[in-house]
């Protein structure tokens, strides 16, 4: 495994966040969620596939009853920039009325995906709605989105690792990095 990771790491221009930095920040975010939602059942809406590792690591550290709903939402379609066109696969009979809802995503980029997800969920009248992202790019957004739980702010660069991919590769890196051009 070490050979595989070191081989794939050679595809990176640089590592932005190493595994230890990510682990410490995700633990702190889990503590914030735990504090804010104490005594409640938490409905987590996780945007897959990029948030897979983030969601798993965060939820393992939250000592609350959790209902997990995963959504397939994408606007990248194999490129390195958002297309601006969002596709979301909502589960049939999806209902969060009067529930405590936490949306988790890997990265806040244009704001279009999280904005549309948040609008849809607010229309379903949850008792409480918060958004958490591992990364937020420092860039002008097509749409402003409130994020209550933020892992890290990064520059406006295309990143991979810790669940995020480029053409299906690099998701299993333990770090977040920038690919070589």
C-alpha atoms as a PDB file:
ATOM      1  CA  UNK A   1       0.000   0.000   0.000  1.00  0.00           C
ATOM      2  CA  UNK A   2       2.817   2.415   0.836  1.00  0.00           C
ATOM      3  CA  UNK A   3       4.233   1.957  -2.670  1.00  0.00           C
ATOM      4  CA  UNK A   4       0.836   2.683  -4.196  1.00  0.00           C
ATOM      5  CA  UNK A   5       0.336   5.865  -2.150  1.00  0.00           C
ATOM      6  CA  UNK A   6       3.867   7.111  -2.788  1.00  0.00           C
ATOM      7  CA  UNK A   7       3.415   6.382  -6.509  1.00  0.00           C
ATOM      8  CA  UNK A   8       0.153   8.314  -6.656  1.00  0.00           C
ATOM      9  CA  UNK A   9       1.590  11.133  -4.556  1.00  0.00           C
ATOM     10  CA  UNK A  10       4.134  11.649  -7.318  1.00  0.00           C
ATOM     11  CA  UNK A  11       1.176  12.833  -9.466  1.00  0.00           C
ATOM     12  CA  UNK A  12       0.697  15.757  -7.076  1.00  0.00           C
ATOM     13  CA  UNK A  13       2.271  19.155  -7.514  1.00  0.00           C
ATOM     14  CA  UNK A  14       1.956  19.603  -3.759  1.00  0.00           C
ATOM     15  CA  UNK A  15       0.063  18.395  -0.696  1.00  0.00           C
ATOM     16  CA  UNK A  16      -2.245  21.056   0.741  1.00  0.00           C
ATOM     17  CA  UNK A  17      -3.500  19.128   3.765  1.00  0.00           C
ATOM     18  CA  UNK A  18      -1.947  16.007   5.214  1.00  0.00           C
ATOM     19  CA  UNK A  19      -3.845  13.196   6.915  1.00  0.00           C
ATOM     20  CA  UNK A  20      -3.130  14.463  10.427  1.00  0.00           C
ATOM     21  CA  UNK A  21      -4.343  18.019   9.684  1.00  0.00           C
ATOM     22  CA  UNK A  22      -7.525  16.628   8.161  1.00  0.00           C
ATOM     23  CA  UNK A  23      -8.137  14.250  11.057  1.00  0.00           C
ATOM     24  CA  UNK A  24      -7.734  16.974  13.689  1.00  0.00           C
ATOM     25  CA  UNK A  25     -10.042  19.407  11.906  1.00  0.00           C
ATOM     26  CA  UNK A  26     -12.722  16.789  11.202  1.00  0.00           C
ATOM     27  CA  UNK A  27     -12.675  15.832  14.902  1.00  0.00           C
ATOM     28  CA  UNK A  28     -13.168  19.486  15.849  1.00  0.00           C
ATOM     29  CA  UNK A  29     -16.054  19.796  13.389  1.00  0.00           C
ATOM     30  CA  UNK A  30     -17.661  16.649  14.850  1.00  0.00           C
ATOM     31  CA  UNK A  31     -17.436  18.209  18.322  1.00  0.00           C
ATOM     32  CA  UNK A  32     -19.181  21.355  17.009  1.00  0.00           C
ATOM     33  CA  UNK A  33     -21.990  19.275  15.489  1.00  0.00           C
ATOM     34  CA  UNK A  34     -22.284  17.243  18.692  1.00  0.00           C
ATOM     35  CA  UNK A  35     -22.590  20.436  20.773  1.00  0.00           C
ATOM     36  CA  UNK A  36     -25.106  22.117  18.446  1.00  0.00           C
ATOM     37  CA  UNK A  37     -27.349  19.079  18.049  1.00  0.00           C
ATOM     38  CA  UNK A  38     -27.100  17.499  21.510  1.00  0.00           C
ATOM     39  CA  UNK A  39     -30.101  15.375  22.389  1.00  0.00           C
ATOM     40  CA  UNK A  40     -31.490  15.293  18.850  1.00  0.00           C
ATOM     41  CA  UNK A  41     -31.712  12.688  16.123  1.00  0.00           C
ATOM     42  CA  UNK A  42     -29.558  13.994  13.294  1.00  0.00           C
ATOM     43  CA  UNK A  43     -30.541  13.485   9.664  1.00  0.00           C
ATOM     44  CA  UNK A  44     -27.380  13.725   7.592  1.00  0.00           C
ATOM     45  CA  UNK A  45     -27.702  14.408   3.880  1.00  0.00           C
ATOM     46  CA  UNK A  46     -24.354  13.491   2.368  1.00  0.00           C
ATOM     47  CA  UNK A  47     -23.347  14.431  -1.159  1.00  0.00           C
ATOM     48  CA  UNK A  48     -21.533  11.537  -2.764  1.00  0.00           C
ATOM     49  CA  UNK A  49     -19.052  10.512  -3.969  1.00  0.00           C
ATOM     50  CA  UNK A  50     -16.551  13.205  -3.031  1.00  0.00           C
ATOM     51  CA  UNK A  51     -17.669  13.556   0.588  1.00  0.00           C
ATOM     52  CA  UNK A  52     -17.494   9.819   1.349  1.00  0.00           C
ATOM     53  CA  UNK A  53     -14.349   9.848   3.505  1.00  0.00           C
ATOM     54  CA  UNK A  54     -15.216  13.161   5.182  1.00  0.00           C
ATOM     55  CA  UNK A  55     -18.736  11.985   6.086  1.00  0.00           C
ATOM     56  CA  UNK A  56     -17.525   8.629   7.412  1.00  0.00           C
ATOM     57  CA  UNK A  57     -14.773  10.163   9.536  1.00  0.00           C
ATOM     58  CA  UNK A  58     -16.992  12.922  10.916  1.00  0.00           C
ATOM     59  CA  UNK A  59     -19.978  10.706  11.739  1.00  0.00           C
ATOM     60  CA  UNK A  60     -17.848   8.127  13.547  1.00  0.00           C
ATOM     61  CA  UNK A  61     -17.041  10.889  16.034  1.00  0.00           C
ATOM     62  CA  UNK A  62     -20.615  12.119  16.581  1.00  0.00           C
ATOM     63  CA  UNK A  63     -22.333  10.404  19.500  1.00  0.00           C
ATOM     64  CA  UNK A  64     -25.916  10.996  18.389  1.00  0.00           C
ATOM     65  CA  UNK A  65     -28.536   8.878  16.664  1.00  0.00           C
ATOM     66  CA  UNK A  66     -27.972   9.450  12.946  1.00  0.00           C
ATOM     67  CA  UNK A  67     -30.182   8.866   9.926  1.00  0.00           C
ATOM     68  CA  UNK A  68     -27.962   8.943   6.836  1.00  0.00           C
ATOM     69  CA  UNK A  69     -29.275   9.827   3.385  1.00  0.00           C
ATOM     70  CA  UNK A  70     -26.857   9.913   0.465  1.00  0.00           C
ATOM     71  CA  UNK A  71     -27.393  11.974  -2.650  1.00  0.00           C
ATOM     72  CA  UNK A  72     -25.704  11.762  -5.969  1.00  0.00           C
ATOM     73  CA  UNK A  73     -25.133  15.354  -7.043  1.00  0.00           C
ATOM     74  CA  UNK A  74     -22.702  16.545  -9.672  1.00  0.00           C
ATOM     75  CA  UNK A  75     -21.856  19.508 -11.818  1.00  0.00           C
ATOM     76  CA  UNK A  76     -18.321  18.518 -12.880  1.00  0.00           C
ATOM     77  CA  UNK A  77     -18.881  15.620 -15.297  1.00  0.00           C
ATOM     78  CA  UNK A  78     -15.209  14.623 -15.562  1.00  0.00           C
ATOM     79  CA  UNK A  79     -13.701  18.105 -15.868  1.00  0.00           C
ATOM     80  CA  UNK A  80     -11.812  20.305 -13.442  1.00  0.00           C
ATOM     81  CA  UNK A  81     -14.413  23.101 -13.313  1.00  0.00           C
ATOM     82  CA  UNK A  82     -18.119  23.094 -12.548  1.00  0.00           C
ATOM     83  CA  UNK A  83     -20.349  22.980 -15.619  1.00  0.00           C
ATOM     84  CA  UNK A  84     -22.996  25.036 -13.818  1.00  0.00           C
ATOM     85  CA  UNK A  85     -25.567  22.309 -14.575  1.00  0.00           C
ATOM     86  CA  UNK A  86     -26.544  20.352 -11.458  1.00  0.00           C
ATOM     87  CA  UNK A  87     -27.946  16.834 -11.424  1.00  0.00           C
ATOM     88  CA  UNK A  88     -29.339  15.526  -8.119  1.00  0.00           C
ATOM     89  CA  UNK A  89     -30.828  12.093  -7.513  1.00  0.00           C
ATOM     90  CA  UNK A  90     -33.298  12.553  -4.626  1.00  0.00           C
ATOM     91  CA  UNK A  91     -34.525   9.346  -2.959  1.00  0.00           C
ATOM     92  CA  UNK A  92     -38.215   8.541  -3.449  1.00  0.00           C
ATOM     93  CA  UNK A  93     -40.463   9.669  -0.574  1.00  0.00           C
ATOM     94  CA  UNK A  94     -37.664  11.857   0.836  1.00  0.00           C
ATOM     95  CA  UNK A  95     -38.983  13.809   3.831  1.00  0.00           C
ATOM     96  CA  UNK A  96     -37.154  15.848   6.470  1.00  0.00           C
ATOM     97  CA  UNK A  97     -40.055  17.851   7.901  1.00  0.00           C
ATOM     98  CA  UNK A  98     -39.370  18.806  11.544  1.00  0.00           C
ATOM     99  CA  UNK A  99     -36.024  16.980  11.522  1.00  0.00           C
ATOM    100  CA  UNK A 100     -32.553  18.236  12.423  1.00  0.00           C
ATOM    101  CA  UNK A 101     -30.737  18.148   9.080  1.00  0.00           C
ATOM    102  CA  UNK A 102     -27.021  18.417   8.419  1.00  0.00           C
ATOM    103  CA  UNK A 103     -25.848  18.589   4.799  1.00  0.00           C
ATOM    104  CA  UNK A 104     -22.258  17.433   4.295  1.00  0.00           C
ATOM    105  CA  UNK A 105     -20.209  17.994   1.153  1.00  0.00           C
ATOM    106  CA  UNK A 106     -16.567  17.819   0.219  1.00  0.00           C
ATOM    107  CA  UNK A 107     -16.056  21.271  -1.262  1.00  0.00           C
ATOM    108  CA  UNK A 108     -17.784  24.625  -1.694  1.00  0.00           C
ATOM    109  CA  UNK A 109     -16.827  25.979  -5.099  1.00  0.00           C
ATOM    110  CA  UNK A 110     -19.388  27.981  -7.124  1.00  0.00           C
ATOM    111  CA  UNK A 111     -22.122  27.626  -4.499  1.00  0.00           C
ATOM    112  CA  UNK A 112     -24.605  26.342  -7.070  1.00  0.00           C
ATOM    113  CA  UNK A 113     -24.796  22.753  -5.806  1.00  0.00           C
ATOM    114  CA  UNK A 114     -25.084  23.542  -2.114  1.00  0.00           C
ATOM    115  CA  UNK A 115     -27.421  26.462  -2.819  1.00  0.00           C
ATOM    116  CA  UNK A 116     -29.872  24.293  -4.740  1.00  0.00           C
ATOM    117  CA  UNK A 117     -29.643  21.485  -2.175  1.00  0.00           C
ATOM    118  CA  UNK A 118     -30.237  23.927   0.677  1.00  0.00           C
ATOM    119  CA  UNK A 119     -33.230  25.516  -1.120  1.00  0.00           C
ATOM    120  CA  UNK A 120     -34.801  22.105  -1.713  1.00  0.00           C
ATOM    121  CA  UNK A 121     -34.324  21.075   1.909  1.00  0.00           C
ATOM    122  CA  UNK A 122     -35.619  24.374   3.327  1.00  0.00           C
ATOM    123  CA  UNK A 123     -38.809  23.909   1.286  1.00  0.00           C
ATOM    124  CA  UNK A 124     -39.298  20.578   3.098  1.00  0.00           C
ATOM    125  CA  UNK A 125     -39.488  22.448   6.442  1.00  0.00           C
ATOM    126  CA  UNK A 126     -36.832  20.854   8.638  1.00  0.00           C
ATOM    127  CA  UNK A 127     -36.712  21.960  12.276  1.00  0.00           C
ATOM    128  CA  UNK A 128     -33.013  22.793  11.886  1.00  0.00           C
ATOM    129  CA  UNK A 129     -30.763  22.933   8.825  1.00  0.00           C
ATOM    130  CA  UNK A 130     -26.984  23.321   8.757  1.00  0.00           C
ATOM    131  CA  UNK A 131     -24.304  22.782   6.108  1.00  0.00           C
ATOM    132  CA  UNK A 132     -20.796  21.457   6.630  1.00  0.00           C
ATOM    133  CA  UNK A 133     -18.004  21.264   4.081  1.00  0.00           C
ATOM    134  CA  UNK A 134     -14.472  20.024   4.348  1.00  0.00           C
ATOM    135  CA  UNK A 135     -13.125  22.672   1.953  1.00  0.00           C
ATOM    136  CA  UNK A 136     -14.244  26.077   0.701  1.00  0.00           C
ATOM    137  CA  UNK A 137     -12.434  27.730  -2.168  1.00  0.00           C
ATOM    138  CA  UNK A 138     -11.511  31.397  -1.839  1.00  0.00           C
ATOM    139  CA  UNK A 139     -13.217  32.674  -4.965  1.00  0.00           C
ATOM    140  CA  UNK A 140     -16.210  34.674  -6.112  1.00  0.00           C
ATOM    141  CA  UNK A 141     -19.283  32.465  -6.002  1.00  0.00           C
ATOM    142  CA  UNK A 142     -22.096  32.282  -8.511  1.00  0.00           C
ATOM    143  CA  UNK A 143     -24.301  31.930  -5.428  1.00  0.00           C
ATOM    144  CA  UNK A 144     -23.649  32.719  -1.775  1.00  0.00           C
ATOM    145  CA  UNK A 145     -24.277  29.811   0.570  1.00  0.00           C
ATOM    146  CA  UNK A 146     -24.235  29.822   4.359  1.00  0.00           C
ATOM    147  CA  UNK A 147     -21.884  27.158   5.710  1.00  0.00           C
ATOM    148  CA  UNK A 148     -22.022  26.627   9.455  1.00  0.00           C
ATOM    149  CA  UNK A 149     -19.233  24.033   9.691  1.00  0.00           C
ATOM    150  CA  UNK A 150     -16.091  24.656   7.666  1.00  0.00           C
ATOM    151  CA  UNK A 151     -12.983  22.516   7.649  1.00  0.00           C
ATOM    152  CA  UNK A 152     -10.495  24.555   5.632  1.00  0.00           C
ATOM    153  CA  UNK A 153     -10.401  27.473   3.230  1.00  0.00           C
ATOM    154  CA  UNK A 154      -8.192  26.877   0.217  1.00  0.00           C
ATOM    155  CA  UNK A 155      -7.163  28.812  -2.855  1.00  0.00           C
ATOM    156  CA  UNK A 156      -9.159  28.389  -6.064  1.00  0.00           C
ATOM    157  CA  UNK A 157      -7.378  25.258  -7.264  1.00  0.00           C
ATOM    158  CA  UNK A 158      -8.598  21.864  -8.402  1.00  0.00           C
ATOM    159  CA  UNK A 159      -7.836  19.381  -5.617  1.00  0.00           C
ATOM    160  CA  UNK A 160      -7.907  15.625  -5.230  1.00  0.00           C
ATOM    161  CA  UNK A 161      -7.634  13.111  -2.413  1.00  0.00           C
ATOM    162  CA  UNK A 162      -9.614  12.300   0.715  1.00  0.00           C
ATOM    163  CA  UNK A 163     -12.619  11.387  -1.448  1.00  0.00           C
ATOM    164  CA  UNK A 164     -12.180  13.911  -4.244  1.00  0.00           C
ATOM    165  CA  UNK A 165     -11.171  12.669  -7.651  1.00  0.00           C
ATOM    166  CA  UNK A 166     -10.068  13.489 -11.133  1.00  0.00           C
ATOM    167  CA  UNK A 167     -11.586  11.126 -13.700  1.00  0.00           C
ATOM    168  CA  UNK A 168     -12.211   8.515 -11.012  1.00  0.00           C
ATOM    169  CA  UNK A 169      -8.671   8.518  -9.596  1.00  0.00           C
ATOM    170  CA  UNK A 170      -7.067   9.782  -6.386  1.00  0.00           C
ATOM    171  CA  UNK A 171     -10.105   9.430  -4.059  1.00  0.00           C
ATOM    172  CA  UNK A 172      -8.222   7.080  -1.740  1.00  0.00           C
ATOM    173  CA  UNK A 173      -5.310   9.416  -1.029  1.00  0.00           C
ATOM    174  CA  UNK A 174      -5.102  10.168   2.712  1.00  0.00           C
ATOM    175  CA  UNK A 175      -4.308  13.814   1.972  1.00  0.00           C
ATOM    176  CA  UNK A 176      -5.666  16.667  -0.170  1.00  0.00           C
ATOM    177  CA  UNK A 177      -3.391  17.867  -2.913  1.00  0.00           C
ATOM    178  CA  UNK A 178      -3.099  19.707  -6.202  1.00  0.00           C
ATOM    179  CA  UNK A 179      -2.376  17.650  -9.315  1.00  0.00           C
ATOM    180  CA  UNK A 180       0.599  18.396 -11.502  1.00  0.00           C
ATOM    181  CA  UNK A 181      -0.456  20.185 -14.715  1.00  0.00           C
END
